[in-house]
């Protein structure tokens, strides 16, 4: 059901949750079971901690993670003894976390595991690449709460988004928030190759800069775009074509630009990818009406969405109703409820 959308198409796939308890671990377990049936050798990494029976923050019960023989996993020195699977350690990395050093191992006897991963994007990518090198056919990155960076194209080839009732008691709000993230992930890239080269150079330097119509670069003397929208606006003119922001794009920055100049209507604001945008749905729609245009350097490849109709607070939606409503609004990406089964 899910595996068919990614197997033999991608090597590294991230699962990203809209929030805690959105069904991300259930999605991971479903992929693990499908991989067992199809005899696909998996590598599993988490950008946080996963597999524990009780959530250490929310104190709610969580699904445990079962790993089959041959699965390659990333865990830590502290988490390794907490599972009952027998794991052969292949590599003790130099990557450190609050839960100890990151270990990479292969499951020798099936059982439940607790997984964790490195703290930075570069380290996660290195671990994923190492797993592929030692025999994993598909690496799944389990993205932790609000760590959507695991969906970044610099890490994963494809992304699965997990969403659900936990977002709101109002089913329409759940759909609105999910659609918003889908839209952010699907923001179109800058297509002109010459412009992309200039933007990549700026991004590599970590600069906030303006590119004019002749592809000249005007670096701004600010370290962050946060609370600096008015400064950015003061530097925009009739020749400006692109505003490059290597960090996060937030509401206050956009408002500062809009309140300072009308020249923003002539430019594209460029961020690395959709995970860098932190703007609420209603504000995003407002900015679009005002004429704000945003492009990305690297688009995110969203290949599936999973829905969880149950919330830990005790309320729920009828599973078929949530699934059908979500499918009504999202037609070009497969939407599945892994507990219901079917396509």
C-alpha atoms as a PDB file:
ATOM      1  CA  UNK A   1       0.000   0.000   0.000  1.00  0.00           C
ATOM      2  CA  UNK A   2       2.702   2.527   0.964  1.00  0.00           C
ATOM      3  CA  UNK A   3       5.805   0.646  -0.081  1.00  0.00           C
ATOM      4  CA  UNK A   4       4.681   0.525  -3.710  1.00  0.00           C
ATOM      5  CA  UNK A   5       4.965   4.314  -3.891  1.00  0.00           C
ATOM      6  CA  UNK A   6       8.628   4.352  -2.855  1.00  0.00           C
ATOM      7  CA  UNK A   7      10.319   0.965  -3.359  1.00  0.00           C
ATOM      8  CA  UNK A   8      12.693   0.783  -6.337  1.00  0.00           C
ATOM      9  CA  UNK A   9      12.071   4.500  -6.908  1.00  0.00           C
ATOM     10  CA  UNK A  10      13.907   6.129  -3.979  1.00  0.00           C
ATOM     11  CA  UNK A  11      16.773   5.201  -1.683  1.00  0.00           C
ATOM     12  CA  UNK A  12      16.179   7.551   1.288  1.00  0.00           C
ATOM     13  CA  UNK A  13      12.634   8.388   2.395  1.00  0.00           C
ATOM     14  CA  UNK A  14      11.593  10.542   5.336  1.00  0.00           C
ATOM     15  CA  UNK A  15       8.374  10.249   7.332  1.00  0.00           C
ATOM     16  CA  UNK A  16       7.396  13.633   8.720  1.00  0.00           C
ATOM     17  CA  UNK A  17       4.677  14.166  11.326  1.00  0.00           C
ATOM     18  CA  UNK A  18       2.487  17.282  11.384  1.00  0.00           C
ATOM     19  CA  UNK A  19       2.537  16.987  15.172  1.00  0.00           C
ATOM     20  CA  UNK A  20       3.141  14.455  17.927  1.00  0.00           C
ATOM     21  CA  UNK A  21       0.598  11.589  17.727  1.00  0.00           C
ATOM     22  CA  UNK A  22      -0.172  12.209  14.051  1.00  0.00           C
ATOM     23  CA  UNK A  23       0.503   8.543  13.258  1.00  0.00           C
ATOM     24  CA  UNK A  24       4.129   8.711  12.163  1.00  0.00           C
ATOM     25  CA  UNK A  25       5.317   5.639  14.100  1.00  0.00           C
ATOM     26  CA  UNK A  26       2.290   3.623  12.922  1.00  0.00           C
ATOM     27  CA  UNK A  27       3.269   4.592   9.368  1.00  0.00           C
ATOM     28  CA  UNK A  28       6.846   3.481  10.020  1.00  0.00           C
ATOM     29  CA  UNK A  29       5.679   0.139  11.449  1.00  0.00           C
ATOM     30  CA  UNK A  30       3.417  -0.390   8.446  1.00  0.00           C
ATOM     31  CA  UNK A  31       6.345   0.189   6.081  1.00  0.00           C
ATOM     32  CA  UNK A  32       8.483  -2.221   8.133  1.00  0.00           C
ATOM     33  CA  UNK A  33       5.799  -4.928   7.825  1.00  0.00           C
ATOM     34  CA  UNK A  34       5.418  -4.348   4.093  1.00  0.00           C
ATOM     35  CA  UNK A  35       9.196  -4.518   3.694  1.00  0.00           C
ATOM     36  CA  UNK A  36       9.258  -7.886   5.501  1.00  0.00           C
ATOM     37  CA  UNK A  37       6.631  -9.282   3.105  1.00  0.00           C
ATOM     38  CA  UNK A  38       8.434  -7.915   0.031  1.00  0.00           C
ATOM     39  CA  UNK A  39      11.893  -8.890   1.369  1.00  0.00           C
ATOM     40  CA  UNK A  40      13.252  -5.349   1.196  1.00  0.00           C
ATOM     41  CA  UNK A  41      16.281  -4.708   3.437  1.00  0.00           C
ATOM     42  CA  UNK A  42      15.595  -1.565   5.465  1.00  0.00           C
ATOM     43  CA  UNK A  43      17.735   0.978   7.248  1.00  0.00           C
ATOM     44  CA  UNK A  44      15.968   2.977   9.989  1.00  0.00           C
ATOM     45  CA  UNK A  45      17.015   6.292  11.540  1.00  0.00           C
ATOM     46  CA  UNK A  46      15.144   8.698  13.817  1.00  0.00           C
ATOM     47  CA  UNK A  47      15.852  12.426  14.059  1.00  0.00           C
ATOM     48  CA  UNK A  48      14.759  12.246  17.699  1.00  0.00           C
ATOM     49  CA  UNK A  49      13.944   9.231  19.842  1.00  0.00           C
ATOM     50  CA  UNK A  50      11.404   6.592  18.913  1.00  0.00           C
ATOM     51  CA  UNK A  51      10.299   3.100  19.883  1.00  0.00           C
ATOM     52  CA  UNK A  52       9.757   3.765  23.586  1.00  0.00           C
ATOM     53  CA  UNK A  53       6.525   2.354  25.063  1.00  0.00           C
ATOM     54  CA  UNK A  54       5.537   5.618  26.785  1.00  0.00           C
ATOM     55  CA  UNK A  55       6.266   9.062  25.383  1.00  0.00           C
ATOM     56  CA  UNK A  56       8.808  10.633  27.725  1.00  0.00           C
ATOM     57  CA  UNK A  57       7.324  14.121  27.248  1.00  0.00           C
ATOM     58  CA  UNK A  58       3.557  13.616  26.890  1.00  0.00           C
ATOM     59  CA  UNK A  59       3.427  10.457  29.065  1.00  0.00           C
ATOM     60  CA  UNK A  60       1.086   8.822  26.550  1.00  0.00           C
ATOM     61  CA  UNK A  61       1.404   5.283  25.217  1.00  0.00           C
ATOM     62  CA  UNK A  62       3.240   4.940  21.904  1.00  0.00           C
ATOM     63  CA  UNK A  63       3.465   2.169  19.310  1.00  0.00           C
ATOM     64  CA  UNK A  64       6.674   0.180  19.709  1.00  0.00           C
ATOM     65  CA  UNK A  65       8.949  -0.495  16.727  1.00  0.00           C
ATOM     66  CA  UNK A  66       9.557  -4.101  15.696  1.00  0.00           C
ATOM     67  CA  UNK A  67      12.641  -4.825  13.595  1.00  0.00           C
ATOM     68  CA  UNK A  68      13.136  -7.968  11.506  1.00  0.00           C
ATOM     69  CA  UNK A  69      16.425  -9.854  11.075  1.00  0.00           C
ATOM     70  CA  UNK A  70      18.743  -8.004   8.678  1.00  0.00           C
ATOM     71  CA  UNK A  71      17.331  -4.537   9.362  1.00  0.00           C
ATOM     72  CA  UNK A  72      20.038  -1.908   9.805  1.00  0.00           C
ATOM     73  CA  UNK A  73      19.294   0.556  12.593  1.00  0.00           C
ATOM     74  CA  UNK A  74      20.751   3.679  14.159  1.00  0.00           C
ATOM     75  CA  UNK A  75      20.499   3.869  17.928  1.00  0.00           C
ATOM     76  CA  UNK A  76      22.599   5.131  20.824  1.00  0.00           C
ATOM     77  CA  UNK A  77      24.690   3.665  23.611  1.00  0.00           C
ATOM     78  CA  UNK A  78      21.896   4.422  26.118  1.00  0.00           C
ATOM     79  CA  UNK A  79      18.977   3.173  24.005  1.00  0.00           C
ATOM     80  CA  UNK A  80      20.549  -0.059  22.758  1.00  0.00           C
ATOM     81  CA  UNK A  81      19.926  -2.054  25.995  1.00  0.00           C
ATOM     82  CA  UNK A  82      16.283  -0.881  26.185  1.00  0.00           C
ATOM     83  CA  UNK A  83      15.106  -3.025  23.253  1.00  0.00           C
ATOM     84  CA  UNK A  84      14.887  -6.809  23.129  1.00  0.00           C
ATOM     85  CA  UNK A  85      16.213  -7.301  19.578  1.00  0.00           C
ATOM     86  CA  UNK A  86      19.732  -8.708  19.304  1.00  0.00           C
ATOM     87  CA  UNK A  87      21.788  -6.123  17.396  1.00  0.00           C
ATOM     88  CA  UNK A  88      25.287  -6.602  16.007  1.00  0.00           C
ATOM     89  CA  UNK A  89      27.187  -3.310  16.204  1.00  0.00           C
ATOM     90  CA  UNK A  90      28.772  -2.427  12.863  1.00  0.00           C
ATOM     91  CA  UNK A  91      29.976   1.102  13.525  1.00  0.00           C
ATOM     92  CA  UNK A  92      30.347   3.365  16.552  1.00  0.00           C
ATOM     93  CA  UNK A  93      30.198   6.871  15.070  1.00  0.00           C
ATOM     94  CA  UNK A  94      31.662  10.126  16.346  1.00  0.00           C
ATOM     95  CA  UNK A  95      28.161  11.642  16.384  1.00  0.00           C
ATOM     96  CA  UNK A  96      27.077  12.469  19.924  1.00  0.00           C
ATOM     97  CA  UNK A  97      23.581  13.054  21.318  1.00  0.00           C
ATOM     98  CA  UNK A  98      22.154  13.552  24.835  1.00  0.00           C
ATOM     99  CA  UNK A  99      21.415   9.802  24.729  1.00  0.00           C
ATOM    100  CA  UNK A 100      25.007   8.819  23.952  1.00  0.00           C
ATOM    101  CA  UNK A 101      27.008   8.132  20.810  1.00  0.00           C
ATOM    102  CA  UNK A 102      25.204   7.057  17.643  1.00  0.00           C
ATOM    103  CA  UNK A 103      25.663   3.356  16.876  1.00  0.00           C
ATOM    104  CA  UNK A 104      24.846   1.645  13.599  1.00  0.00           C
ATOM    105  CA  UNK A 105      23.965  -2.033  13.827  1.00  0.00           C
ATOM    106  CA  UNK A 106      22.273  -4.944  12.080  1.00  0.00           C
ATOM    107  CA  UNK A 107      19.435  -6.894  13.723  1.00  0.00           C
ATOM    108  CA  UNK A 108      20.503 -10.524  14.326  1.00  0.00           C
ATOM    109  CA  UNK A 109      17.407 -11.666  16.242  1.00  0.00           C
ATOM    110  CA  UNK A 110      14.065  -9.921  15.622  1.00  0.00           C
ATOM    111  CA  UNK A 111      12.557  -7.842  18.372  1.00  0.00           C
ATOM    112  CA  UNK A 112      11.522  -4.425  19.571  1.00  0.00           C
ATOM    113  CA  UNK A 113      14.019  -1.587  19.270  1.00  0.00           C
ATOM    114  CA  UNK A 114      14.436   2.014  20.310  1.00  0.00           C
ATOM    115  CA  UNK A 115      15.985   4.209  17.659  1.00  0.00           C
ATOM    116  CA  UNK A 116      17.647   7.591  17.551  1.00  0.00           C
ATOM    117  CA  UNK A 117      19.801   9.548  15.154  1.00  0.00           C
ATOM    118  CA  UNK A 118      22.270  12.396  14.804  1.00  0.00           C
ATOM    119  CA  UNK A 119      21.485  16.025  15.575  1.00  0.00           C
ATOM    120  CA  UNK A 120      22.428  17.669  12.266  1.00  0.00           C
ATOM    121  CA  UNK A 121      21.318  17.324   8.642  1.00  0.00           C
ATOM    122  CA  UNK A 122      24.837  16.463   7.457  1.00  0.00           C
ATOM    123  CA  UNK A 123      25.233  13.738  10.084  1.00  0.00           C
ATOM    124  CA  UNK A 124      21.823  12.206   9.280  1.00  0.00           C
ATOM    125  CA  UNK A 125      22.755  12.089   5.582  1.00  0.00           C
ATOM    126  CA  UNK A 126      26.110  10.455   6.395  1.00  0.00           C
ATOM    127  CA  UNK A 127      24.413   7.745   8.473  1.00  0.00           C
ATOM    128  CA  UNK A 128      21.807   7.130   5.732  1.00  0.00           C
ATOM    129  CA  UNK A 129      24.504   6.862   3.052  1.00  0.00           C
ATOM    130  CA  UNK A 130      26.515   4.457   5.241  1.00  0.00           C
ATOM    131  CA  UNK A 131      23.425   2.241   5.673  1.00  0.00           C
ATOM    132  CA  UNK A 132      23.010   2.043   1.900  1.00  0.00           C
ATOM    133  CA  UNK A 133      26.696   1.203   1.545  1.00  0.00           C
ATOM    134  CA  UNK A 134      26.450  -1.785   3.914  1.00  0.00           C
ATOM    135  CA  UNK A 135      23.379  -3.331   2.322  1.00  0.00           C
ATOM    136  CA  UNK A 136      20.178  -1.373   3.039  1.00  0.00           C
ATOM    137  CA  UNK A 137      17.980  -1.177  -0.056  1.00  0.00           C
ATOM    138  CA  UNK A 138      15.779   1.550   1.418  1.00  0.00           C
ATOM    139  CA  UNK A 139      16.530   3.912   4.319  1.00  0.00           C
ATOM    140  CA  UNK A 140      13.606   5.393   6.256  1.00  0.00           C
ATOM    141  CA  UNK A 141      14.171   8.535   8.321  1.00  0.00           C
ATOM    142  CA  UNK A 142      11.646   8.922  11.118  1.00  0.00           C
ATOM    143  CA  UNK A 143      11.296  12.690  11.567  1.00  0.00           C
ATOM    144  CA  UNK A 144      10.817  13.862  15.150  1.00  0.00           C
ATOM    145  CA  UNK A 145       8.223  16.379  16.347  1.00  0.00           C
ATOM    146  CA  UNK A 146       8.508  19.675  14.422  1.00  0.00           C
ATOM    147  CA  UNK A 147      11.743  18.459  12.825  1.00  0.00           C
ATOM    148  CA  UNK A 148      10.456  18.738   9.287  1.00  0.00           C
ATOM    149  CA  UNK A 149      14.020  19.332   8.142  1.00  0.00           C
ATOM    150  CA  UNK A 150      14.217  15.563   7.639  1.00  0.00           C
ATOM    151  CA  UNK A 151      12.036  16.201   4.568  1.00  0.00           C
ATOM    152  CA  UNK A 152      14.704  18.519   3.145  1.00  0.00           C
ATOM    153  CA  UNK A 153      15.859  17.374  -0.297  1.00  0.00           C
ATOM    154  CA  UNK A 154      19.463  17.547   0.921  1.00  0.00           C
ATOM    155  CA  UNK A 155      18.656  14.496   3.086  1.00  0.00           C
ATOM    156  CA  UNK A 156      15.851  12.465   1.520  1.00  0.00           C
ATOM    157  CA  UNK A 157      14.746  11.612  -2.017  1.00  0.00           C
ATOM    158  CA  UNK A 158      11.090  11.493  -1.041  1.00  0.00           C
ATOM    159  CA  UNK A 159       8.809  12.338   1.885  1.00  0.00           C
ATOM    160  CA  UNK A 160       5.702  10.829   3.460  1.00  0.00           C
ATOM    161  CA  UNK A 161       3.602  13.256   5.529  1.00  0.00           C
ATOM    162  CA  UNK A 162       1.637  11.950   8.541  1.00  0.00           C
ATOM    163  CA  UNK A 163      -1.333  13.992   9.703  1.00  0.00           C
ATOM    164  CA  UNK A 164      -4.416  13.447  11.821  1.00  0.00           C
ATOM    165  CA  UNK A 165      -7.063  14.363  14.351  1.00  0.00           C
ATOM    166  CA  UNK A 166      -4.483  15.513  16.903  1.00  0.00           C
ATOM    167  CA  UNK A 167      -4.231  18.823  14.982  1.00  0.00           C
ATOM    168  CA  UNK A 168      -7.790  19.919  15.867  1.00  0.00           C
ATOM    169  CA  UNK A 169     -11.235  18.778  16.996  1.00  0.00           C
ATOM    170  CA  UNK A 170     -12.519  20.436  13.807  1.00  0.00           C
ATOM    171  CA  UNK A 171     -12.018  18.138  10.811  1.00  0.00           C
ATOM    172  CA  UNK A 172     -11.928  21.134   8.451  1.00  0.00           C
ATOM    173  CA  UNK A 173      -9.060  22.666  10.438  1.00  0.00           C
ATOM    174  CA  UNK A 174      -7.138  19.378  10.170  1.00  0.00           C
ATOM    175  CA  UNK A 175      -7.576  19.481   6.397  1.00  0.00           C
ATOM    176  CA  UNK A 176      -6.677  23.189   6.210  1.00  0.00           C
ATOM    177  CA  UNK A 177      -3.440  22.728   8.181  1.00  0.00           C
ATOM    178  CA  UNK A 178      -2.483  19.638   6.182  1.00  0.00           C
ATOM    179  CA  UNK A 179      -3.180  21.346   2.861  1.00  0.00           C
ATOM    180  CA  UNK A 180      -1.017  24.257   3.961  1.00  0.00           C
ATOM    181  CA  UNK A 181       2.003  22.024   4.606  1.00  0.00           C
ATOM    182  CA  UNK A 182       1.386  20.178   1.326  1.00  0.00           C
ATOM    183  CA  UNK A 183       1.369  23.537  -0.473  1.00  0.00           C
ATOM    184  CA  UNK A 184       4.597  24.612   1.253  1.00  0.00           C
ATOM    185  CA  UNK A 185       6.269  21.345   0.303  1.00  0.00           C
ATOM    186  CA  UNK A 186       5.109  21.843  -3.298  1.00  0.00           C
ATOM    187  CA  UNK A 187       6.356  25.427  -3.774  1.00  0.00           C
ATOM    188  CA  UNK A 188       7.900  25.604  -7.260  1.00  0.00           C
ATOM    189  CA  UNK A 189      11.671  25.912  -7.663  1.00  0.00           C
ATOM    190  CA  UNK A 190      13.668  28.637  -9.378  1.00  0.00           C
ATOM    191  CA  UNK A 191      14.133  27.158 -12.843  1.00  0.00           C
ATOM    192  CA  UNK A 192      16.640  29.454 -14.563  1.00  0.00           C
ATOM    193  CA  UNK A 193      20.032  27.683 -14.312  1.00  0.00           C
ATOM    194  CA  UNK A 194      22.078  30.898 -14.244  1.00  0.00           C
ATOM    195  CA  UNK A 195      19.930  32.340 -11.465  1.00  0.00           C
ATOM    196  CA  UNK A 196      20.157  29.060  -9.529  1.00  0.00           C
ATOM    197  CA  UNK A 197      23.964  29.202  -9.668  1.00  0.00           C
ATOM    198  CA  UNK A 198      23.978  32.698  -8.186  1.00  0.00           C
ATOM    199  CA  UNK A 199      21.474  31.683  -5.473  1.00  0.00           C
ATOM    200  CA  UNK A 200      23.489  28.577  -4.557  1.00  0.00           C
ATOM    201  CA  UNK A 201      26.604  30.717  -4.053  1.00  0.00           C
ATOM    202  CA  UNK A 202      24.669  33.073  -1.771  1.00  0.00           C
ATOM    203  CA  UNK A 203      23.141  30.167   0.186  1.00  0.00           C
ATOM    204  CA  UNK A 204      26.555  28.517   0.617  1.00  0.00           C
ATOM    205  CA  UNK A 205      27.874  31.723   2.192  1.00  0.00           C
ATOM    206  CA  UNK A 206      24.810  31.967   4.466  1.00  0.00           C
ATOM    207  CA  UNK A 207      24.135  35.481   3.209  1.00  0.00           C
ATOM    208  CA  UNK A 208      20.875  37.365   2.929  1.00  0.00           C
ATOM    209  CA  UNK A 209      21.125  39.053  -0.451  1.00  0.00           C
ATOM    210  CA  UNK A 210      19.210  40.675  -3.284  1.00  0.00           C
ATOM    211  CA  UNK A 211      19.801  39.725  -6.929  1.00  0.00           C
ATOM    212  CA  UNK A 212      19.020  42.360  -9.556  1.00  0.00           C
ATOM    213  CA  UNK A 213      17.845  41.985 -13.173  1.00  0.00           C
ATOM    214  CA  UNK A 214      21.470  41.743 -14.392  1.00  0.00           C
ATOM    215  CA  UNK A 215      22.215  38.969 -11.834  1.00  0.00           C
ATOM    216  CA  UNK A 216      24.327  41.277  -9.698  1.00  0.00           C
ATOM    217  CA  UNK A 217      24.347  40.332  -6.010  1.00  0.00           C
ATOM    218  CA  UNK A 218      23.731  42.887  -3.263  1.00  0.00           C
ATOM    219  CA  UNK A 219      24.544  41.279   0.137  1.00  0.00           C
ATOM    220  CA  UNK A 220      22.695  42.820   3.097  1.00  0.00           C
ATOM    221  CA  UNK A 221      24.593  43.523   6.288  1.00  0.00           C
ATOM    222  CA  UNK A 222      22.243  41.506   8.523  1.00  0.00           C
ATOM    223  CA  UNK A 223      22.839  38.074  10.029  1.00  0.00           C
ATOM    224  CA  UNK A 224      19.173  37.031  10.124  1.00  0.00           C
ATOM    225  CA  UNK A 225      15.940  38.009   8.410  1.00  0.00           C
ATOM    226  CA  UNK A 226      14.068  37.824  11.752  1.00  0.00           C
ATOM    227  CA  UNK A 227      12.728  41.277  12.654  1.00  0.00           C
ATOM    228  CA  UNK A 228      14.666  42.755   9.711  1.00  0.00           C
ATOM    229  CA  UNK A 229      11.895  42.954   7.109  1.00  0.00           C
ATOM    230  CA  UNK A 230      12.038  46.776   7.120  1.00  0.00           C
ATOM    231  CA  UNK A 231      15.805  46.731   6.436  1.00  0.00           C
ATOM    232  CA  UNK A 232      15.297  44.296   3.565  1.00  0.00           C
ATOM    233  CA  UNK A 233      12.458  46.444   2.205  1.00  0.00           C
ATOM    234  CA  UNK A 234      14.659  49.547   2.233  1.00  0.00           C
ATOM    235  CA  UNK A 235      17.119  47.813  -0.105  1.00  0.00           C
ATOM    236  CA  UNK A 236      14.557  46.698  -2.711  1.00  0.00           C
ATOM    237  CA  UNK A 237      14.251  48.799  -5.867  1.00  0.00           C
ATOM    238  CA  UNK A 238      12.925  48.610  -9.440  1.00  0.00           C
ATOM    239  CA  UNK A 239      15.868  46.467 -10.550  1.00  0.00           C
ATOM    240  CA  UNK A 240      15.484  43.870  -7.757  1.00  0.00           C
ATOM    241  CA  UNK A 241      14.366  40.413  -8.907  1.00  0.00           C
ATOM    242  CA  UNK A 242      15.194  37.934  -6.127  1.00  0.00           C
ATOM    243  CA  UNK A 243      15.538  38.083  -2.349  1.00  0.00           C
ATOM    244  CA  UNK A 244      17.589  35.143  -1.075  1.00  0.00           C
ATOM    245  CA  UNK A 245      17.025  34.052   2.543  1.00  0.00           C
ATOM    246  CA  UNK A 246      19.152  31.046   3.580  1.00  0.00           C
ATOM    247  CA  UNK A 247      17.404  30.661   6.960  1.00  0.00           C
ATOM    248  CA  UNK A 248      13.738  30.666   7.992  1.00  0.00           C
ATOM    249  CA  UNK A 249      10.986  32.770   6.471  1.00  0.00           C
ATOM    250  CA  UNK A 250       8.501  33.960   9.111  1.00  0.00           C
ATOM    251  CA  UNK A 251       5.435  36.194   9.277  1.00  0.00           C
ATOM    252  CA  UNK A 252       7.162  39.213  10.831  1.00  0.00           C
ATOM    253  CA  UNK A 253       9.807  39.343   8.091  1.00  0.00           C
ATOM    254  CA  UNK A 254       7.214  39.348   5.323  1.00  0.00           C
ATOM    255  CA  UNK A 255       5.106  41.951   7.130  1.00  0.00           C
ATOM    256  CA  UNK A 256       8.169  44.186   7.557  1.00  0.00           C
ATOM    257  CA  UNK A 257       8.869  44.043   3.818  1.00  0.00           C
ATOM    258  CA  UNK A 258       5.244  44.738   2.864  1.00  0.00           C
ATOM    259  CA  UNK A 259       5.005  47.706   5.249  1.00  0.00           C
ATOM    260  CA  UNK A 260       8.230  49.256   3.910  1.00  0.00           C
ATOM    261  CA  UNK A 261       7.965  49.047   0.126  1.00  0.00           C
ATOM    262  CA  UNK A 262       5.762  48.045  -2.797  1.00  0.00           C
ATOM    263  CA  UNK A 263       8.796  46.773  -4.709  1.00  0.00           C
ATOM    264  CA  UNK A 264       8.255  43.315  -3.186  1.00  0.00           C
ATOM    265  CA  UNK A 265       5.704  42.688  -5.951  1.00  0.00           C
ATOM    266  CA  UNK A 266       8.554  42.561  -8.503  1.00  0.00           C
ATOM    267  CA  UNK A 267      10.616  39.912  -6.733  1.00  0.00           C
ATOM    268  CA  UNK A 268      10.658  36.251  -5.811  1.00  0.00           C
ATOM    269  CA  UNK A 269      11.633  35.456  -2.217  1.00  0.00           C
ATOM    270  CA  UNK A 270      13.846  32.359  -2.394  1.00  0.00           C
ATOM    271  CA  UNK A 271      14.361  29.911   0.488  1.00  0.00           C
ATOM    272  CA  UNK A 272      16.206  26.589   0.468  1.00  0.00           C
ATOM    273  CA  UNK A 273      13.035  24.453   0.591  1.00  0.00           C
ATOM    274  CA  UNK A 274       9.512  24.378   2.012  1.00  0.00           C
ATOM    275  CA  UNK A 275      10.654  23.240   5.470  1.00  0.00           C
ATOM    276  CA  UNK A 276      12.141  26.720   6.012  1.00  0.00           C
ATOM    277  CA  UNK A 277       8.756  28.486   5.958  1.00  0.00           C
ATOM    278  CA  UNK A 278       7.026  29.077   9.296  1.00  0.00           C
ATOM    279  CA  UNK A 279       3.868  31.010   8.424  1.00  0.00           C
ATOM    280  CA  UNK A 280       0.312  30.075   9.457  1.00  0.00           C
ATOM    281  CA  UNK A 281      -2.264  29.178   6.746  1.00  0.00           C
ATOM    282  CA  UNK A 282      -4.359  32.363   7.049  1.00  0.00           C
ATOM    283  CA  UNK A 283      -1.261  34.586   6.937  1.00  0.00           C
ATOM    284  CA  UNK A 284       0.106  32.664   3.946  1.00  0.00           C
ATOM    285  CA  UNK A 285      -3.141  33.222   2.021  1.00  0.00           C
ATOM    286  CA  UNK A 286      -3.105  36.920   2.964  1.00  0.00           C
ATOM    287  CA  UNK A 287       0.472  37.338   1.750  1.00  0.00           C
ATOM    288  CA  UNK A 288      -0.412  35.591  -1.521  1.00  0.00           C
ATOM    289  CA  UNK A 289      -3.260  38.074  -2.038  1.00  0.00           C
ATOM    290  CA  UNK A 290      -0.845  40.939  -1.384  1.00  0.00           C
ATOM    291  CA  UNK A 291       1.388  39.666  -4.189  1.00  0.00           C
ATOM    292  CA  UNK A 292       4.162  37.946  -2.228  1.00  0.00           C
ATOM    293  CA  UNK A 293       5.885  35.334  -4.417  1.00  0.00           C
ATOM    294  CA  UNK A 294       8.009  32.571  -2.881  1.00  0.00           C
ATOM    295  CA  UNK A 295      10.227  30.075  -4.708  1.00  0.00           C
ATOM    296  CA  UNK A 296      12.561  27.367  -3.445  1.00  0.00           C
ATOM    297  CA  UNK A 297      16.006  26.240  -4.480  1.00  0.00           C
ATOM    298  CA  UNK A 298      15.170  22.577  -3.882  1.00  0.00           C
ATOM    299  CA  UNK A 299      11.586  21.266  -4.116  1.00  0.00           C
ATOM    300  CA  UNK A 300      10.402  18.538  -1.726  1.00  0.00           C
ATOM    301  CA  UNK A 301       9.201  15.311  -3.299  1.00  0.00           C
ATOM    302  CA  UNK A 302       6.009  14.517  -1.347  1.00  0.00           C
ATOM    303  CA  UNK A 303       4.971  11.006  -2.405  1.00  0.00           C
ATOM    304  CA  UNK A 304       2.230  10.046   0.099  1.00  0.00           C
ATOM    305  CA  UNK A 305       0.120  11.284   3.010  1.00  0.00           C
ATOM    306  CA  UNK A 306      -1.092   9.104   5.877  1.00  0.00           C
ATOM    307  CA  UNK A 307      -4.032  10.056   8.083  1.00  0.00           C
ATOM    308  CA  UNK A 308      -4.753   9.140  11.702  1.00  0.00           C
ATOM    309  CA  UNK A 309      -8.403   9.753  12.705  1.00  0.00           C
ATOM    310  CA  UNK A 310      -7.734   9.257  16.438  1.00  0.00           C
ATOM    311  CA  UNK A 311      -6.383  11.810  18.933  1.00  0.00           C
ATOM    312  CA  UNK A 312      -4.838  10.917  22.317  1.00  0.00           C
ATOM    313  CA  UNK A 313      -7.193  13.425  23.960  1.00  0.00           C
ATOM    314  CA  UNK A 314      -9.998  10.890  23.368  1.00  0.00           C
ATOM    315  CA  UNK A 315     -11.875  12.367  20.420  1.00  0.00           C
ATOM    316  CA  UNK A 316     -11.833  10.943  16.895  1.00  0.00           C
ATOM    317  CA  UNK A 317     -13.256  11.305  13.402  1.00  0.00           C
ATOM    318  CA  UNK A 318     -14.947   8.523  11.463  1.00  0.00           C
ATOM    319  CA  UNK A 319     -11.951   6.997   9.656  1.00  0.00           C
ATOM    320  CA  UNK A 320     -13.609   6.847   6.231  1.00  0.00           C
ATOM    321  CA  UNK A 321     -14.881  10.411   6.541  1.00  0.00           C
ATOM    322  CA  UNK A 322     -11.423  11.876   7.255  1.00  0.00           C
ATOM    323  CA  UNK A 323      -9.857   9.789   4.506  1.00  0.00           C
ATOM    324  CA  UNK A 324     -12.427  10.746   1.863  1.00  0.00           C
ATOM    325  CA  UNK A 325     -12.411  14.437   2.813  1.00  0.00           C
ATOM    326  CA  UNK A 326      -8.618  14.562   2.625  1.00  0.00           C
ATOM    327  CA  UNK A 327      -8.662  12.784  -0.736  1.00  0.00           C
ATOM    328  CA  UNK A 328     -11.247  15.267  -2.010  1.00  0.00           C
ATOM    329  CA  UNK A 329      -8.853  18.173  -1.477  1.00  0.00           C
ATOM    330  CA  UNK A 330      -5.580  16.366  -2.259  1.00  0.00           C
ATOM    331  CA  UNK A 331      -5.928  14.584  -5.579  1.00  0.00           C
ATOM    332  CA  UNK A 332      -2.405  14.347  -6.995  1.00  0.00           C
ATOM    333  CA  UNK A 333      -0.748  12.634  -3.974  1.00  0.00           C
ATOM    334  CA  UNK A 334      -1.843   9.232  -2.561  1.00  0.00           C
ATOM    335  CA  UNK A 335      -3.683   9.619   0.773  1.00  0.00           C
ATOM    336  CA  UNK A 336      -3.959   6.465   2.894  1.00  0.00           C
ATOM    337  CA  UNK A 337      -5.076   5.293   6.318  1.00  0.00           C
ATOM    338  CA  UNK A 338      -2.697   2.399   6.990  1.00  0.00           C
ATOM    339  CA  UNK A 339      -5.039   0.950   9.628  1.00  0.00           C
ATOM    340  CA  UNK A 340      -7.968   0.808   7.201  1.00  0.00           C
ATOM    341  CA  UNK A 341      -5.955  -0.841   4.461  1.00  0.00           C
ATOM    342  CA  UNK A 342      -6.805  -0.642   0.779  1.00  0.00           C
ATOM    343  CA  UNK A 343      -5.287   1.770  -1.727  1.00  0.00           C
END
